[in-house]
Amino acid sequence: MTETQMVHGHIDTIDALMAHYVAGTLPEPARVLVRSHLEMKAHNRSFVNGLELLAGEALENAAGIAIAERDKRLQAIFASASPIPEPPTSARPKPALFPRALRDLVGFEAEDVPWRKRLPGFKEYSLDRDGCEVNLMWIRPGRALPAHTHKGMELILILDGAFNDERGHFGPGDISIADETVEHRPVAEADRPCIAFAVSDGPVRLTGSFRQMMIDLIG
């Protein structure tokens, strides 16, 4: 993975992440993570809509700038295909585990992930996009990941199941934000596997005692 800065500015809260999303300063994988979160957590859509309205008002009050090749651009817009209408409600399939934005990024559903075992009780599917490392993770119920911190920023969206760490509980639709100031040891809840989508722009650094590290690596 090529290390890069995910955003030019500090993100330590969901509100700050949403603001960067509206401003268009996130790399594509992080934008997909936020869009997936908004599909799963409807209550945050109103906050994002409010930010977009404020951004629109700021644009309206800004001085106008002539659009290069205006007629050519308008012609291309009008010539573009109409959006495909959504199927009738009765014809819609059952809800999928992966939000649509995530399926569009990786190209498959949860049951088709080509998982690769990394540790006992921990599977992963990885790819690099836009200077970020993108991971799907499957964590066995009750499994603890080794304590670590980050050389960069890590965003984790919980898709199914949940994990707990020193900061609290993260369930479906929740986003964990971690950087070099956060040291944590995520533990999947005992009732079901935890499936998550992670985007990071730097490697992790293992922390904690050697004994605990060995226990967590063995699983």
Foldseek 3Di string as FASTA:
>chain_A
DFFDAQFDDDDDDPLVLLLCLLVVGGFPVSVLLVVQLCVFDVVCVVVSVVSNVVVVVVVVPDDDDDDPPVVVVVVVVVPDDDDDDDDPPVPDDDDFLGPPSVCVVPVDGPVPQPWDDDFVQKTWDWDDDPLKIKIKIKGAAFAKAFKWAWQHKKKKAWRAFWWAWPVGIHHHSGIDIGHRVDIIIITTHRPGIIIMIMITNTDIGGDDDPVSRVVNRND
